[in-house]
Amino acid sequence: MTKIVGLTGGIGSGKTTVARLFEALGVPIYIADEEAKTLMQNSEMIQRELIQLLGESCYVDGQLNRSFIASKVFNDKSLLHQINAIVHPKVAAHFERWLTKQHAPYVIKEVAILFETKSQNKFDFILTVTAPTETRIQRVINRDQKTKKDIESIIDNQLPESQKMSQSDFVIHNNSLLETEINIQNIHKEILNKIKNS
């Protein structure tokens, strides 16, 4: 039975970099946010439900209008919950289908809001990636062209790093790439040992 490792961390912590480094070790990776975007773009059922909730502007020329959706949910948590209620079950079902095709000892599912959605019990192990706040802000500014104020607002809405770390089996302090690579190799070996001895 393939084990599931939940990979999480706040915005700009470097989750995707960590996921790709595990992938280089032969671990199958499922990035929930990417799959959610794909499903929001391609699933007719999700499209219908989002248009019902937010109006026709959700899609422009058949393309998901991410900036419109982001502006709608920015300060409206209940709307965000409603969108998540539409999208998350479809992503969960997609992940289950994907999982049946994997034959590695374990897979990694990257979930940005793992603790926020109270999904801890769905994983055999949890790995949190963390980095200093200023580093995270700078990474997101470079990547997304968001303002510092926008990013700070997102960070304030996410669960504090200390709470994530205290509930995790493994923590990676993602400050230097070399250090992170070494940590990942050690964690990879430890997970394989735990699986072997379980």
C-alpha atoms as a PDB file:
ATOM      1  CA  MET A   1       0.000   0.000   0.000  1.00  0.00           C
ATOM      2  CA  THR A   2       1.565   3.291  -1.138  1.00  0.00           C
ATOM      3  CA  LYS A   3       1.986   5.777   1.712  1.00  0.00           C
ATOM      4  CA  ILE A   4       1.003   9.430   1.310  1.00  0.00           C
ATOM      5  CA  VAL A   5       3.228  12.276   2.477  1.00  0.00           C
ATOM      6  CA  GLY A   6       1.510  15.645   2.771  1.00  0.00           C
ATOM      7  CA  LEU A   7       3.812  18.503   1.802  1.00  0.00           C
ATOM      8  CA  THR A   8       2.789  21.943   3.019  1.00  0.00           C
ATOM      9  CA  GLY A   9       4.134  25.351   3.973  1.00  0.00           C
ATOM     10  CA  GLY A  10       3.195  29.005   3.722  1.00  0.00           C
ATOM     11  CA  ILE A  11       3.317  31.071   0.543  1.00  0.00           C
ATOM     12  CA  GLY A  12       6.890  31.534  -0.725  1.00  0.00           C
ATOM     13  CA  SER A  13       8.344  28.836   1.535  1.00  0.00           C
ATOM     14  CA  GLY A  14       9.539  26.823  -1.474  1.00  0.00           C
ATOM     15  CA  LYS A  15       7.130  23.855  -1.471  1.00  0.00           C
ATOM     16  CA  THR A  16       7.347  23.342  -5.222  1.00  0.00           C
ATOM     17  CA  THR A  17      11.165  23.406  -5.185  1.00  0.00           C
ATOM     18  CA  VAL A  18      11.114  20.772  -2.436  1.00  0.00           C
ATOM     19  CA  ALA A  19       8.560  18.694  -4.373  1.00  0.00           C
ATOM     20  CA  ARG A  20      10.752  18.765  -7.502  1.00  0.00           C
ATOM     21  CA  LEU A  21      13.795  17.628  -5.488  1.00  0.00           C
ATOM     22  CA  PHE A  22      11.814  14.653  -4.169  1.00  0.00           C
ATOM     23  CA  GLU A  23      10.677  13.957  -7.741  1.00  0.00           C
ATOM     24  CA  ALA A  24      14.355  13.790  -8.760  1.00  0.00           C
ATOM     25  CA  LEU A  25      14.705  10.933  -6.228  1.00  0.00           C
ATOM     26  CA  GLY A  26      11.930   9.033  -8.026  1.00  0.00           C
ATOM     27  CA  VAL A  27       9.031  10.010  -5.753  1.00  0.00           C
ATOM     28  CA  PRO A  28       5.716  10.598  -7.608  1.00  0.00           C
ATOM     29  CA  ILE A  29       4.447  14.146  -6.965  1.00  0.00           C
ATOM     30  CA  TYR A  30       0.883  15.470  -6.987  1.00  0.00           C
ATOM     31  CA  ILE A  31       0.595  19.280  -6.779  1.00  0.00           C
ATOM     32  CA  ALA A  32      -2.979  19.909  -5.629  1.00  0.00           C
ATOM     33  CA  ASP A  33      -3.023  23.619  -6.583  1.00  0.00           C
ATOM     34  CA  GLU A  34      -1.919  22.874 -10.156  1.00  0.00           C
ATOM     35  CA  GLU A  35      -4.500  20.114 -10.521  1.00  0.00           C
ATOM     36  CA  ALA A  36      -7.191  22.416  -9.085  1.00  0.00           C
ATOM     37  CA  LYS A  37      -6.369  25.058 -11.730  1.00  0.00           C
ATOM     38  CA  THR A  38      -6.479  22.406 -14.475  1.00  0.00           C
ATOM     39  CA  LEU A  39      -9.846  21.122 -13.274  1.00  0.00           C
ATOM     40  CA  MET A  40     -11.239  24.665 -12.927  1.00  0.00           C
ATOM     41  CA  GLN A  41     -10.212  25.240 -16.526  1.00  0.00           C
ATOM     42  CA  ASN A  42     -11.345  21.897 -17.997  1.00  0.00           C
ATOM     43  CA  SER A  43     -14.182  20.459 -15.898  1.00  0.00           C
ATOM     44  CA  GLU A  44     -17.581  21.463 -17.290  1.00  0.00           C
ATOM     45  CA  MET A  45     -19.220  20.677 -13.949  1.00  0.00           C
ATOM     46  CA  ILE A  46     -16.858  23.010 -12.049  1.00  0.00           C
ATOM     47  CA  GLN A  47     -17.295  25.706 -14.710  1.00  0.00           C
ATOM     48  CA  ARG A  48     -21.087  25.547 -14.361  1.00  0.00           C
ATOM     49  CA  GLU A  49     -20.932  25.740 -10.555  1.00  0.00           C
ATOM     50  CA  LEU A  50     -18.420  28.623 -10.527  1.00  0.00           C
ATOM     51  CA  ILE A  51     -20.470  30.637 -13.036  1.00  0.00           C
ATOM     52  CA  GLN A  52     -23.570  30.015 -10.894  1.00  0.00           C
ATOM     53  CA  LEU A  53     -21.678  31.301  -7.838  1.00  0.00           C
ATOM     54  CA  LEU A  54     -19.681  34.203  -9.308  1.00  0.00           C
ATOM     55  CA  GLY A  55     -21.252  35.034 -12.671  1.00  0.00           C
ATOM     56  CA  GLU A  56     -20.090  34.787 -16.278  1.00  0.00           C
ATOM     57  CA  SER A  57     -16.919  36.839 -15.652  1.00  0.00           C
ATOM     58  CA  CYS A  58     -15.235  33.720 -14.151  1.00  0.00           C
ATOM     59  CA  TYR A  59     -14.288  32.744 -17.680  1.00  0.00           C
ATOM     60  CA  VAL A  60     -13.161  34.958 -20.553  1.00  0.00           C
ATOM     61  CA  ASP A  61     -13.157  33.324 -24.012  1.00  0.00           C
ATOM     62  CA  GLY A  62     -13.296  29.921 -22.314  1.00  0.00           C
ATOM     63  CA  GLN A  63     -10.240  30.695 -20.145  1.00  0.00           C
ATOM     64  CA  LEU A  64     -10.390  30.761 -16.346  1.00  0.00           C
ATOM     65  CA  ASN A  65     -10.297  34.406 -15.212  1.00  0.00           C
ATOM     66  CA  ARG A  66      -7.993  33.965 -12.204  1.00  0.00           C
ATOM     67  CA  SER A  67      -7.542  37.674 -11.446  1.00  0.00           C
ATOM     68  CA  PHE A  68     -11.338  38.177 -11.340  1.00  0.00           C
ATOM     69  CA  ILE A  69     -11.777  35.209  -8.950  1.00  0.00           C
ATOM     70  CA  ALA A  70      -8.839  36.377  -6.796  1.00  0.00           C
ATOM     71  CA  SER A  71     -10.331  39.876  -6.516  1.00  0.00           C
ATOM     72  CA  LYS A  72     -13.704  38.387  -5.476  1.00  0.00           C
ATOM     73  CA  VAL A  73     -12.305  36.184  -2.698  1.00  0.00           C
ATOM     74  CA  PHE A  74      -9.540  38.518  -1.492  1.00  0.00           C
ATOM     75  CA  ASN A  75     -11.497  39.778   1.524  1.00  0.00           C
ATOM     76  CA  ASP A  76     -14.415  37.345   1.456  1.00  0.00           C
ATOM     77  CA  LYS A  77     -13.648  34.167   3.370  1.00  0.00           C
ATOM     78  CA  SER A  78     -17.144  32.741   2.993  1.00  0.00           C
ATOM     79  CA  LEU A  79     -16.902  33.026  -0.807  1.00  0.00           C
ATOM     80  CA  LEU A  80     -13.508  31.329  -0.705  1.00  0.00           C
ATOM     81  CA  HIS A  81     -15.054  28.486   1.334  1.00  0.00           C
ATOM     82  CA  GLN A  82     -17.830  28.135  -1.241  1.00  0.00           C
ATOM     83  CA  ILE A  83     -15.305  27.919  -4.109  1.00  0.00           C
ATOM     84  CA  ASN A  84     -13.230  25.399  -2.154  1.00  0.00           C
ATOM     85  CA  ALA A  85     -16.390  23.342  -1.543  1.00  0.00           C
ATOM     86  CA  ILE A  86     -16.867  23.159  -5.331  1.00  0.00           C
ATOM     87  CA  VAL A  87     -13.254  22.449  -6.279  1.00  0.00           C
ATOM     88  CA  HIS A  88     -11.696  20.444  -3.418  1.00  0.00           C
ATOM     89  CA  PRO A  89     -13.914  17.318  -3.640  1.00  0.00           C
ATOM     90  CA  LYS A  90     -13.155  17.055  -7.388  1.00  0.00           C
ATOM     91  CA  VAL A  91      -9.402  17.407  -6.712  1.00  0.00           C
ATOM     92  CA  ALA A  92      -9.638  14.755  -3.970  1.00  0.00           C
ATOM     93  CA  ALA A  93     -11.369  12.329  -6.347  1.00  0.00           C
ATOM     94  CA  HIS A  94      -8.782  13.068  -9.066  1.00  0.00           C
ATOM     95  CA  PHE A  95      -5.969  12.387  -6.573  1.00  0.00           C
ATOM     96  CA  GLU A  96      -7.502   9.026  -5.585  1.00  0.00           C
ATOM     97  CA  ARG A  97      -7.614   7.966  -9.253  1.00  0.00           C
ATOM     98  CA  TRP A  98      -4.004   9.137  -9.732  1.00  0.00           C
ATOM     99  CA  LEU A  99      -2.892   7.259  -6.593  1.00  0.00           C
ATOM    100  CA  THR A 100      -4.177   3.907  -7.896  1.00  0.00           C
ATOM    101  CA  LYS A 101      -1.692   4.193 -10.788  1.00  0.00           C
ATOM    102  CA  GLN A 102       1.375   4.772  -8.547  1.00  0.00           C
ATOM    103  CA  HIS A 103       3.653   1.930  -7.487  1.00  0.00           C
ATOM    104  CA  ALA A 104       6.333   3.753  -5.458  1.00  0.00           C
ATOM    105  CA  PRO A 105       6.658   3.120  -1.672  1.00  0.00           C
ATOM    106  CA  TYR A 106       5.301   6.629  -1.112  1.00  0.00           C
ATOM    107  CA  VAL A 107       3.980   9.651  -3.005  1.00  0.00           C
ATOM    108  CA  ILE A 108       3.994  13.334  -2.118  1.00  0.00           C
ATOM    109  CA  LYS A 109       0.840  15.417  -2.279  1.00  0.00           C
ATOM    110  CA  GLU A 110       1.599  19.126  -2.083  1.00  0.00           C
ATOM    111  CA  VAL A 111      -1.272  20.943  -0.360  1.00  0.00           C
ATOM    112  CA  ALA A 112      -0.817  24.623   0.489  1.00  0.00           C
ATOM    113  CA  ILE A 113      -3.694  24.693   2.992  1.00  0.00           C
ATOM    114  CA  LEU A 114      -3.314  21.209   4.498  1.00  0.00           C
ATOM    115  CA  PHE A 115      -3.845  22.229   8.144  1.00  0.00           C
ATOM    116  CA  GLU A 116      -6.306  25.001   7.303  1.00  0.00           C
ATOM    117  CA  THR A 117      -8.621  22.407   5.704  1.00  0.00           C
ATOM    118  CA  LYS A 118      -8.090  20.008   8.654  1.00  0.00           C
ATOM    119  CA  SER A 119      -6.743  17.323   6.291  1.00  0.00           C
ATOM    120  CA  GLN A 120      -4.003  16.028   8.619  1.00  0.00           C
ATOM    121  CA  ASN A 121      -5.618  12.616   9.075  1.00  0.00           C
ATOM    122  CA  LYS A 122      -5.494  11.903   5.322  1.00  0.00           C
ATOM    123  CA  PHE A 123      -1.686  11.521   5.368  1.00  0.00           C
ATOM    124  CA  ASP A 124       0.767   8.964   6.703  1.00  0.00           C
ATOM    125  CA  PHE A 125       3.425  11.645   7.203  1.00  0.00           C
ATOM    126  CA  ILE A 126       3.410  15.449   7.047  1.00  0.00           C
ATOM    127  CA  LEU A 127       6.342  17.546   5.884  1.00  0.00           C
ATOM    128  CA  THR A 128       6.294  21.319   6.379  1.00  0.00           C
ATOM    129  CA  VAL A 129       8.610  23.647   4.462  1.00  0.00           C
ATOM    130  CA  THR A 130       9.476  26.923   6.148  1.00  0.00           C
ATOM    131  CA  ALA A 131      11.662  29.957   5.422  1.00  0.00           C
ATOM    132  CA  PRO A 132      12.170  33.403   7.002  1.00  0.00           C
ATOM    133  CA  THR A 133       9.238  35.751   6.336  1.00  0.00           C
ATOM    134  CA  GLU A 134      11.344  38.324   4.454  1.00  0.00           C
ATOM    135  CA  THR A 135      12.752  35.575   2.196  1.00  0.00           C
ATOM    136  CA  ARG A 136       9.231  34.317   1.479  1.00  0.00           C
ATOM    137  CA  ILE A 137       7.961  37.820   0.648  1.00  0.00           C
ATOM    138  CA  GLN A 138      10.881  38.444  -1.726  1.00  0.00           C
ATOM    139  CA  ARG A 139      10.359  35.088  -3.492  1.00  0.00           C
ATOM    140  CA  VAL A 140       6.682  35.836  -4.111  1.00  0.00           C
ATOM    141  CA  ILE A 141       7.402  39.404  -5.297  1.00  0.00           C
ATOM    142  CA  ASN A 142       9.904  37.969  -7.812  1.00  0.00           C
ATOM    143  CA  ARG A 143       7.513  35.194  -8.896  1.00  0.00           C
ATOM    144  CA  ASP A 144       4.034  36.740  -8.908  1.00  0.00           C
ATOM    145  CA  GLN A 145       4.589  40.506  -9.165  1.00  0.00           C
ATOM    146  CA  LYS A 146       2.365  40.933  -6.108  1.00  0.00           C
ATOM    147  CA  THR A 147       2.882  43.870  -3.742  1.00  0.00           C
ATOM    148  CA  LYS A 148       4.494  43.372  -0.344  1.00  0.00           C
ATOM    149  CA  LYS A 149       1.185  44.383   1.289  1.00  0.00           C
ATOM    150  CA  ASP A 150      -0.745  41.715  -0.687  1.00  0.00           C
ATOM    151  CA  ILE A 151       1.723  39.018   0.345  1.00  0.00           C
ATOM    152  CA  GLU A 152       1.701  40.064   4.004  1.00  0.00           C
ATOM    153  CA  SER A 153      -2.102  39.854   3.927  1.00  0.00           C
ATOM    154  CA  ILE A 154      -1.913  36.292   2.512  1.00  0.00           C
ATOM    155  CA  ILE A 155       0.659  35.310   5.179  1.00  0.00           C
ATOM    156  CA  ASP A 156      -1.585  36.760   7.913  1.00  0.00           C
ATOM    157  CA  ASN A 157      -4.476  34.613   6.649  1.00  0.00           C
ATOM    158  CA  GLN A 158      -2.411  31.411   6.736  1.00  0.00           C
ATOM    159  CA  LEU A 159      -1.814  29.345   9.863  1.00  0.00           C
ATOM    160  CA  PRO A 160       1.387  30.438  11.677  1.00  0.00           C
ATOM    161  CA  GLU A 161       4.483  28.421  10.684  1.00  0.00           C
ATOM    162  CA  SER A 162       5.078  27.381  14.307  1.00  0.00           C
ATOM    163  CA  GLN A 163       1.674  25.653  14.447  1.00  0.00           C
ATOM    164  CA  LYS A 164       2.344  23.777  11.204  1.00  0.00           C
ATOM    165  CA  MET A 165       5.802  22.710  12.347  1.00  0.00           C
ATOM    166  CA  SER A 166       4.546  21.418  15.712  1.00  0.00           C
ATOM    167  CA  GLN A 167       2.058  19.118  13.921  1.00  0.00           C
ATOM    168  CA  SER A 168       4.517  17.802  11.300  1.00  0.00           C
ATOM    169  CA  ASP A 169       6.647  14.644  11.146  1.00  0.00           C
ATOM    170  CA  PHE A 170       9.362  16.462   9.210  1.00  0.00           C
ATOM    171  CA  VAL A 171      10.365  20.113   8.790  1.00  0.00           C
ATOM    172  CA  ILE A 172      12.634  21.610   6.125  1.00  0.00           C
ATOM    173  CA  HIS A 173      14.101  25.065   6.762  1.00  0.00           C
ATOM    174  CA  ASN A 174      14.449  26.123   3.145  1.00  0.00           C
ATOM    175  CA  ASN A 175      17.185  28.764   3.344  1.00  0.00           C
ATOM    176  CA  SER A 176      19.938  27.354   1.128  1.00  0.00           C
ATOM    177  CA  LEU A 177      19.395  24.965  -1.776  1.00  0.00           C
ATOM    178  CA  LEU A 178      22.358  22.754  -0.855  1.00  0.00           C
ATOM    179  CA  GLU A 179      21.155  22.384   2.728  1.00  0.00           C
ATOM    180  CA  THR A 180      17.631  21.652   1.516  1.00  0.00           C
ATOM    181  CA  GLU A 181      18.894  18.949  -0.880  1.00  0.00           C
ATOM    182  CA  ILE A 182      20.799  17.228   1.956  1.00  0.00           C
ATOM    183  CA  ASN A 183      17.735  17.412   4.243  1.00  0.00           C
ATOM    184  CA  ILE A 184      15.535  15.918   1.533  1.00  0.00           C
ATOM    185  CA  GLN A 185      17.898  12.990   0.983  1.00  0.00           C
ATOM    186  CA  ASN A 186      17.894  12.298   4.743  1.00  0.00           C
ATOM    187  CA  ILE A 187      14.104  12.569   5.011  1.00  0.00           C
ATOM    188  CA  HIS A 188      13.675  10.323   1.952  1.00  0.00           C
ATOM    189  CA  LYS A 189      15.806   7.620   3.613  1.00  0.00           C
ATOM    190  CA  GLU A 190      13.952   8.027   6.905  1.00  0.00           C
ATOM    191  CA  ILE A 191      10.515   7.690   5.254  1.00  0.00           C
ATOM    192  CA  LEU A 192      11.645   4.562   3.367  1.00  0.00           C
ATOM    193  CA  ASN A 193      12.968   3.068   6.653  1.00  0.00           C
ATOM    194  CA  LYS A 194       9.734   3.857   8.483  1.00  0.00           C
ATOM    195  CA  ILE A 195       7.709   2.223   5.672  1.00  0.00           C
ATOM    196  CA  LYS A 196       9.989  -0.846   5.664  1.00  0.00           C
ATOM    197  CA  ASN A 197       9.678  -1.266   9.427  1.00  0.00           C
ATOM    198  CA  SER A 198       5.976  -0.556   9.699  1.00  0.00           C
END
